[in-house]
Amino acid sequence: MIRRIRRAVIAMVIGFLAGGGLASDGSRAAAASPQETIAGAARKVVKIHGAGGVRGLEAYQTGILVSPSGHIITVLSTVLDAEELDCVLDDGRRYRASLQGVDPQRELAVLAIEAEELPSFTLAAADPVPVGTRIFALSNLFGVAVGDERVSAQHGVVSALVPLEARRGSYEVPYRGAVYILDCTTNNPGSPGGAVVDWRGRLVGMLGKELRASGSGIWLNYAIPAEAIASSYAEIISGSTPSGTDSLGKEPTGPGFDPAALGLVLVPDLLDRTPPFIETVAADSPAARSGLRADDLVIAVGGRSVASRAAVQQALSAVAEGDAVRLSVVRGGAIVECDLGPRPAAGRKR
């Protein structure tokens, strides 16, 4: 009898380790195989192609379908700074995507494609998964998947849940929320925006950008929890983020307003839309008096999100002469608000 009980217990443990569970009546619940779980989740992952193509600035990344009507959430990066964004589904269908809005604090963005009845993940607030949870990470790492080729899948375990303290180069990321640390090498070129699911195929989180830990300098393999993604998505769709329905997806027209009139010089354009880092700040200028510094990244002008030098100039030109100029910048991992005072006439420096 004891031997039979021991065998039953061992069989139950093996079942759990294999991905099974117990139904409400105490019997063993049917579990999908890893291959079935990966296939089901991969249908909800898209390959995104946009700007980039130079060393350190890949022109591709990954996204997650979060609504049957074609909403895609992904990371905010230079890939999205393209006039045309292509999204390729698991079955090879290709769509032109439009940018709906961004969350500069979490560095996430929502795209939309014109499609219906698409397979998608359900975003909802949920408790963090425990350390030791087995996961699958699905992404187009290194851009190896094209057309109807399936994105890559990696198997790993959640090793920790810790606050994110990371940087890319000298740029400290603004997000300080908790992230999952994974025990496999997931955060590669092309992986940002990829889906992390558990053995049932439920969304656990999303792979973030390639980042180094601020303290040790080691590369991080991490995922933003599903709860943070759900909150960001809801805020972007409702327009309650600082960017709301921003101008990132719109092509600027005209020369705009030269920020040098306010005492700040942005880095020169390297791509069609180079991120608007501040190169220098003139002494005793409105920019200097407001507290702006070199290497600050401008993310909004008067609450209107900007992602390029041209977008900053256009947003400044939309501020009426004499009205207050307010910039939101990322510095040292935090968002800093700066008031430069009234906008001067175009071409006149103060």
Protein backbone atom coordinates (compact mmCIF):
# COMPACT_ATOMS: atom_id res chain seq x y z
CA MET A 1 0.00 0.00 0.00
CA ILE A 2 2.78 2.43 0.99
CA ARG A 3 4.61 1.64 -2.23
CA ARG A 4 1.48 2.35 -4.32
CA ILE A 5 0.94 5.67 -2.51
CA ARG A 6 4.58 6.61 -3.08
CA ARG A 7 4.28 5.84 -6.81
CA ALA A 8 1.08 7.93 -7.00
CA VAL A 9 2.77 10.89 -5.29
CA ILE A 10 5.79 10.64 -7.60
CA ALA A 11 3.51 10.50 -10.64
CA MET A 12 1.65 13.60 -9.41
CA VAL A 13 4.91 15.54 -8.92
CA ILE A 14 6.16 14.54 -12.35
CA GLY A 15 2.83 15.69 -13.79
CA PHE A 16 3.18 19.12 -12.22
CA LEU A 17 6.76 19.46 -13.42
CA ALA A 18 5.63 18.51 -16.91
CA GLY A 19 3.13 21.36 -16.87
CA GLY A 20 0.01 19.66 -15.59
CA GLY A 21 -2.23 20.64 -12.71
CA LEU A 22 -5.34 19.60 -10.83
CA ALA A 23 -8.87 20.24 -11.96
CA SER A 24 -11.55 21.42 -9.52
CA ASP A 25 -12.53 17.82 -8.76
CA GLY A 26 -8.95 16.94 -7.81
CA SER A 27 -8.22 14.99 -10.98
CA ARG A 28 -5.29 15.74 -13.27
CA ALA A 29 -6.05 18.63 -15.65
CA ALA A 30 -5.12 18.25 -19.28
CA ALA A 31 -2.07 20.32 -20.22
CA ALA A 32 -0.89 21.49 -23.60
CA SER A 33 2.51 20.33 -24.74
CA PRO A 34 5.33 22.92 -24.88
CA GLN A 35 5.05 22.89 -28.67
CA GLU A 36 1.32 23.65 -28.50
CA THR A 37 1.86 26.42 -25.96
CA ILE A 38 4.56 28.04 -28.09
CA ALA A 39 2.47 27.78 -31.27
CA GLY A 40 -0.56 29.34 -29.59
CA ALA A 41 1.44 32.22 -28.12
CA ALA A 42 3.43 32.83 -31.33
CA ARG A 43 0.21 33.60 -33.22
CA LYS A 44 -0.15 36.65 -30.96
CA VAL A 45 3.39 37.96 -31.59
CA VAL A 46 4.29 40.22 -34.51
CA LYS A 47 7.53 41.20 -36.26
CA ILE A 48 8.00 44.97 -36.54
CA HIS A 49 10.23 46.64 -39.15
CA GLY A 50 11.02 50.35 -39.18
CA ALA A 51 13.91 52.82 -38.87
CA GLY A 52 17.50 51.91 -38.10
CA GLY A 53 19.99 49.68 -39.85
CA VAL A 54 23.22 51.03 -38.35
CA ARG A 55 25.36 49.50 -35.63
CA GLY A 56 23.48 49.49 -32.34
CA LEU A 57 20.26 50.72 -33.98
CA GLU A 58 18.54 47.69 -35.46
CA ALA A 59 15.64 48.30 -37.82
CA TYR A 60 13.49 45.54 -36.34
CA GLN A 61 11.90 44.49 -33.07
CA THR A 62 8.91 42.53 -31.75
CA GLY A 63 5.38 43.37 -30.63
CA ILE A 64 2.44 41.74 -28.87
CA LEU A 65 -1.16 41.71 -30.12
CA VAL A 66 -3.38 42.84 -27.24
CA SER A 67 -6.74 43.24 -28.97
CA PRO A 68 -8.59 41.35 -31.74
CA SER A 69 -8.96 44.67 -33.61
CA GLY A 70 -5.21 45.04 -34.15
CA HIS A 71 -3.69 46.93 -31.21
CA ILE A 72 -0.03 46.05 -30.67
CA ILE A 73 2.07 47.00 -27.66
CA THR A 74 5.84 47.17 -27.95
CA VAL A 75 8.83 49.09 -26.60
CA LEU A 76 9.43 52.73 -27.50
CA SER A 77 12.59 52.84 -29.61
CA THR A 78 14.15 54.38 -32.71
CA VAL A 79 12.63 51.54 -34.76
CA LEU A 80 9.32 53.40 -34.47
CA ASP A 81 10.82 56.64 -35.85
CA ALA A 82 10.05 55.59 -39.43
CA GLU A 83 7.64 57.08 -41.93
CA GLU A 84 6.33 53.57 -42.57
CA LEU A 85 6.10 50.77 -40.00
CA ASP A 86 5.56 47.21 -41.24
CA CYS A 87 4.07 44.56 -38.98
CA VAL A 88 4.23 40.91 -40.07
CA LEU A 89 1.93 38.41 -38.38
CA ASP A 90 2.71 34.79 -37.58
CA ASP A 91 0.96 33.60 -40.75
CA GLY A 92 2.93 36.01 -42.96
CA ARG A 93 0.26 38.66 -43.42
CA ARG A 94 1.83 42.13 -43.62
CA TYR A 95 0.17 45.34 -42.43
CA ARG A 96 1.09 49.03 -42.31
CA ALA A 97 1.00 50.18 -38.69
CA SER A 98 0.24 53.58 -37.19
CA LEU A 99 1.49 54.82 -33.84
CA GLN A 100 -1.37 55.48 -31.43
CA GLY A 101 0.57 56.82 -28.45
CA VAL A 102 3.47 56.28 -26.10
CA ASP A 103 4.17 55.94 -22.39
CA PRO A 104 7.51 57.76 -21.87
CA GLN A 105 7.83 56.66 -18.23
CA ARG A 106 7.71 52.93 -19.02
CA GLU A 107 9.06 53.46 -22.56
CA LEU A 108 6.20 51.55 -24.19
CA ALA A 109 4.19 52.32 -27.32
CA VAL A 110 0.91 51.19 -28.88
CA LEU A 111 0.59 50.57 -32.61
CA ALA A 112 -2.54 49.78 -34.60
CA ILE A 113 -3.13 47.81 -37.79
CA GLU A 114 -6.36 47.58 -39.77
CA ALA A 115 -7.44 44.02 -39.08
CA GLU A 116 -10.22 42.17 -37.27
CA GLU A 117 -10.63 38.95 -35.28
CA LEU A 118 -6.93 38.54 -34.61
CA PRO A 119 -5.60 36.20 -31.92
CA SER A 120 -4.49 38.35 -28.99
CA PHE A 121 -3.39 38.24 -25.38
CA THR A 122 -5.79 39.41 -22.69
CA LEU A 123 -4.30 42.24 -20.63
CA ALA A 124 -5.50 42.37 -17.03
CA ALA A 125 -4.13 43.28 -13.63
CA ALA A 126 -2.66 40.17 -12.00
CA ASP A 127 -0.39 39.23 -9.13
CA PRO A 128 3.27 38.70 -10.04
CA VAL A 129 4.18 35.13 -10.86
CA PRO A 130 6.40 33.47 -8.24
CA VAL A 131 10.13 33.01 -8.59
CA GLY A 132 10.83 29.65 -10.21
CA THR A 133 7.96 29.90 -12.71
CA ARG A 134 8.87 28.23 -15.99
CA ILE A 135 8.46 30.56 -18.95
CA PHE A 136 8.76 30.71 -22.72
CA ALA A 137 10.13 33.91 -24.31
CA LEU A 138 9.01 34.51 -27.91
CA SER A 139 10.67 37.19 -30.04
CA ASN A 140 12.27 37.90 -33.39
CA LEU A 141 15.77 37.93 -31.95
CA PHE A 142 18.43 38.95 -34.48
CA GLY A 143 15.64 39.34 -37.08
CA VAL A 144 15.95 35.70 -38.16
CA ALA A 145 12.21 35.25 -38.81
CA VAL A 146 10.82 36.68 -42.06
CA GLY A 147 7.44 36.28 -43.74
CA ASP A 148 5.47 33.42 -42.21
CA GLU A 149 8.46 32.04 -40.32
CA ARG A 150 7.69 31.65 -36.62
CA VAL A 151 9.46 33.84 -34.07
CA SER A 152 12.13 32.21 -31.92
CA ALA A 153 11.21 30.60 -28.60
CA GLN A 154 13.45 30.27 -25.55
CA HIS A 155 12.78 28.30 -22.40
CA GLY A 156 13.76 29.62 -18.99
CA VAL A 157 12.76 30.35 -15.41
CA VAL A 158 11.88 33.53 -13.51
CA SER A 159 14.89 34.04 -11.24
CA ALA A 160 13.87 37.20 -9.37
CA LEU A 161 11.48 40.14 -9.20
CA VAL A 162 13.47 43.34 -8.56
CA PRO A 163 13.28 47.11 -9.28
CA LEU A 164 14.88 48.02 -12.58
CA GLU A 165 18.07 50.07 -12.27
CA ALA A 166 19.65 50.08 -15.69
CA ARG A 167 21.18 52.17 -18.42
CA ARG A 168 21.98 52.10 -22.11
CA GLY A 169 25.30 53.82 -22.68
CA SER A 170 25.21 56.86 -20.39
CA TYR A 171 21.40 57.07 -20.59
CA GLU A 172 19.62 55.98 -17.40
CA VAL A 173 16.22 54.46 -18.13
CA PRO A 174 13.29 56.32 -16.49
CA TYR A 175 11.35 53.19 -15.46
CA ARG A 176 12.01 52.15 -11.86
CA GLY A 177 9.25 49.57 -11.48
CA ALA A 178 9.76 45.89 -10.72
CA VAL A 179 10.85 43.55 -13.53
CA TYR A 180 11.32 39.81 -13.83
CA ILE A 181 14.94 38.68 -14.11
CA LEU A 182 15.15 35.62 -16.38
CA ASP A 183 17.77 32.87 -16.33
CA CYS A 184 18.18 32.70 -20.12
CA THR A 185 19.72 35.13 -22.63
CA THR A 186 16.53 36.75 -23.89
CA ASN A 187 17.25 40.46 -24.42
CA ASN A 188 19.03 40.41 -27.77
CA PRO A 189 18.77 42.68 -30.85
CA GLY A 190 15.22 42.32 -32.18
CA SER A 191 13.88 40.85 -28.92
CA PRO A 192 12.46 44.04 -27.32
CA GLY A 193 8.67 43.81 -27.30
CA GLY A 194 8.64 40.01 -27.28
CA ALA A 195 6.14 38.00 -25.22
CA VAL A 196 6.97 36.03 -22.09
CA VAL A 197 4.34 33.38 -21.28
CA ASP A 198 3.95 30.65 -18.69
CA TRP A 199 3.42 26.96 -19.45
CA ARG A 200 -0.29 27.59 -20.02
CA GLY A 201 0.40 30.31 -22.57
CA ARG A 202 -0.74 33.14 -20.30
CA LEU A 203 1.10 36.44 -20.73
CA VAL A 204 3.62 36.95 -17.92
CA GLY A 205 5.45 39.97 -19.30
CA MET A 206 7.20 41.63 -22.21
CA LEU A 207 10.90 41.61 -23.05
CA GLY A 208 12.48 45.05 -22.64
CA LYS A 209 15.33 46.85 -24.35
CA GLU A 210 18.96 45.80 -24.27
CA LEU A 211 20.16 47.32 -21.01
CA ARG A 212 23.03 47.05 -18.55
CA ALA A 213 22.63 47.06 -14.78
CA SER A 214 23.60 50.48 -13.41
CA GLY A 215 25.72 49.04 -10.61
CA SER A 216 27.54 46.10 -12.19
CA GLY A 217 27.38 46.98 -15.88
CA ILE A 218 26.29 43.43 -16.82
CA TRP A 219 23.70 42.89 -19.55
CA LEU A 220 20.23 42.24 -18.16
CA ASN A 221 17.78 39.55 -19.26
CA TYR A 222 14.46 40.84 -17.99
CA ALA A 223 10.76 41.27 -18.71
CA ILE A 224 8.30 44.02 -17.77
CA PRO A 225 5.40 42.39 -15.82
CA ALA A 226 2.03 42.02 -17.52
CA GLU A 227 0.38 44.26 -14.92
CA ALA A 228 2.62 47.20 -15.86
CA ILE A 229 1.94 46.54 -19.55
CA ALA A 230 -1.82 46.50 -18.92
CA SER A 231 -1.66 49.80 -17.02
CA SER A 232 0.43 51.44 -19.73
CA TYR A 233 -1.88 50.21 -22.50
CA ALA A 234 -4.96 51.52 -20.70
CA GLU A 235 -3.35 54.92 -20.12
CA ILE A 236 -2.19 55.27 -23.72
CA ILE A 237 -5.57 54.30 -25.19
CA SER A 238 -7.42 56.63 -22.81
CA GLY A 239 -4.98 59.47 -23.55
CA SER A 240 -4.03 59.91 -19.88
CA THR A 241 -0.25 59.56 -20.40
CA PRO A 242 1.83 62.74 -20.88
CA SER A 243 1.98 61.92 -24.58
CA GLY A 244 -1.64 60.90 -25.09
CA THR A 245 -2.27 60.69 -28.81
CA ASP A 246 1.09 62.10 -29.77
CA SER A 247 2.69 63.23 -33.01
CA LEU A 248 5.30 60.52 -33.29
CA GLY A 249 3.67 58.93 -36.29
CA LYS A 250 3.19 62.17 -38.19
CA GLU A 251 5.72 63.61 -40.57
CA PRO A 252 6.74 67.14 -39.48
CA THR A 253 6.27 69.87 -42.06
CA GLY A 254 8.09 73.17 -42.36
CA PRO A 255 11.27 74.30 -40.58
CA GLY A 256 9.60 74.80 -37.20
CA PHE A 257 11.01 76.92 -34.37
CA ASP A 258 14.77 76.87 -33.78
CA PRO A 259 15.40 75.85 -30.14
CA ALA A 260 18.68 77.80 -30.26
CA ALA A 261 16.51 80.88 -29.67
CA LEU A 262 15.90 79.43 -26.20
CA GLY A 263 19.56 78.62 -25.64
CA LEU A 264 19.63 74.90 -26.35
CA VAL A 265 21.20 72.94 -29.19
CA LEU A 266 20.03 69.44 -30.04
CA VAL A 267 22.27 66.69 -31.42
CA PRO A 268 22.41 66.64 -35.24
CA ASP A 269 20.22 64.25 -37.21
CA LEU A 270 21.86 60.87 -37.79
CA LEU A 271 18.67 59.11 -38.89
CA ASP A 272 15.43 60.43 -40.35
CA ARG A 273 14.35 61.01 -36.75
CA THR A 274 17.25 61.13 -34.32
CA PRO A 275 16.17 61.12 -30.63
CA PRO A 276 16.23 64.74 -29.40
CA PHE A 277 19.13 64.73 -26.95
CA ILE A 278 20.40 68.14 -25.86
CA GLU A 279 23.99 68.67 -27.00
CA THR A 280 24.75 72.03 -25.36
CA VAL A 281 22.99 74.66 -23.26
CA ALA A 282 24.01 78.30 -23.66
CA ALA A 283 25.01 80.11 -20.48
CA ASP A 284 22.54 82.69 -19.09
CA SER A 285 19.78 81.56 -21.47
CA PRO A 286 16.17 80.53 -20.76
CA ALA A 287 17.25 76.91 -21.16
CA ALA A 288 20.07 77.30 -18.61
CA ARG A 289 17.86 79.18 -16.13
CA SER A 290 15.21 76.44 -16.36
CA GLY A 291 17.75 73.82 -15.32
CA LEU A 292 18.18 72.03 -18.65
CA ARG A 293 21.49 70.22 -19.09
CA ALA A 294 23.52 68.63 -21.86
CA ASP A 295 22.56 64.97 -22.46
CA ASP A 296 18.97 65.52 -21.32
CA LEU A 297 16.52 63.68 -23.61
CA VAL A 298 13.51 65.79 -24.59
CA ILE A 299 10.37 63.64 -24.56
CA ALA A 300 7.59 66.25 -24.56
CA VAL A 301 6.97 69.92 -25.34
CA GLY A 302 3.98 71.32 -23.49
CA GLY A 303 2.70 67.80 -22.84
CA ARG A 304 2.98 66.86 -26.52
CA SER A 305 5.26 63.86 -27.05
CA VAL A 306 8.26 64.31 -29.34
CA ALA A 307 10.73 61.73 -30.61
CA SER A 308 12.99 63.67 -32.97
CA ARG A 309 14.74 66.99 -33.52
CA ALA A 310 12.18 67.94 -36.18
CA ALA A 311 9.28 67.06 -33.86
CA VAL A 312 10.72 69.33 -31.15
CA GLN A 313 10.94 72.23 -33.61
CA GLN A 314 7.38 71.65 -34.78
CA ALA A 315 6.04 71.41 -31.23
CA LEU A 316 7.84 74.66 -30.31
CA SER A 317 6.39 76.39 -33.33
CA ALA A 318 2.91 75.39 -32.10
CA VAL A 319 3.50 77.37 -28.89
CA ALA A 320 2.20 80.91 -29.38
CA GLU A 321 4.68 83.77 -29.03
CA GLY A 322 4.68 84.86 -25.39
CA ASP A 323 3.20 81.62 -24.06
CA ALA A 324 5.22 79.52 -21.61
CA VAL A 325 7.52 76.85 -23.07
CA ARG A 326 7.55 73.71 -20.92
CA LEU A 327 9.82 70.77 -21.72
CA SER A 328 9.75 67.27 -20.22
CA VAL A 329 13.15 65.59 -20.26
CA VAL A 330 14.61 62.31 -19.05
CA ARG A 331 17.62 62.74 -16.76
CA GLY A 332 19.24 60.20 -14.46
CA GLY A 333 16.38 57.77 -14.83
CA ALA A 334 13.68 60.32 -13.93
CA ILE A 335 11.38 62.66 -15.87
CA VAL A 336 12.17 66.33 -15.13
CA GLU A 337 9.82 69.21 -15.99
CA CYS A 338 11.46 72.51 -17.06
CA ASP A 339 9.75 75.87 -17.61
CA LEU A 340 11.69 78.09 -20.03
CA GLY A 341 9.36 81.08 -19.72
CA PRO A 342 7.62 82.85 -22.61
CA ARG A 343 8.49 81.83 -26.14
CA PRO A 344 10.30 84.59 -28.07
CA ALA A 345 9.58 85.55 -31.65
CA ALA A 346 10.98 83.16 -34.22
CA GLY A 347 14.66 83.77 -34.90
CA ARG A 348 15.16 86.09 -31.91
CA LYS A 349 17.40 84.81 -29.09
CA ARG A 350 17.12 85.89 -25.48
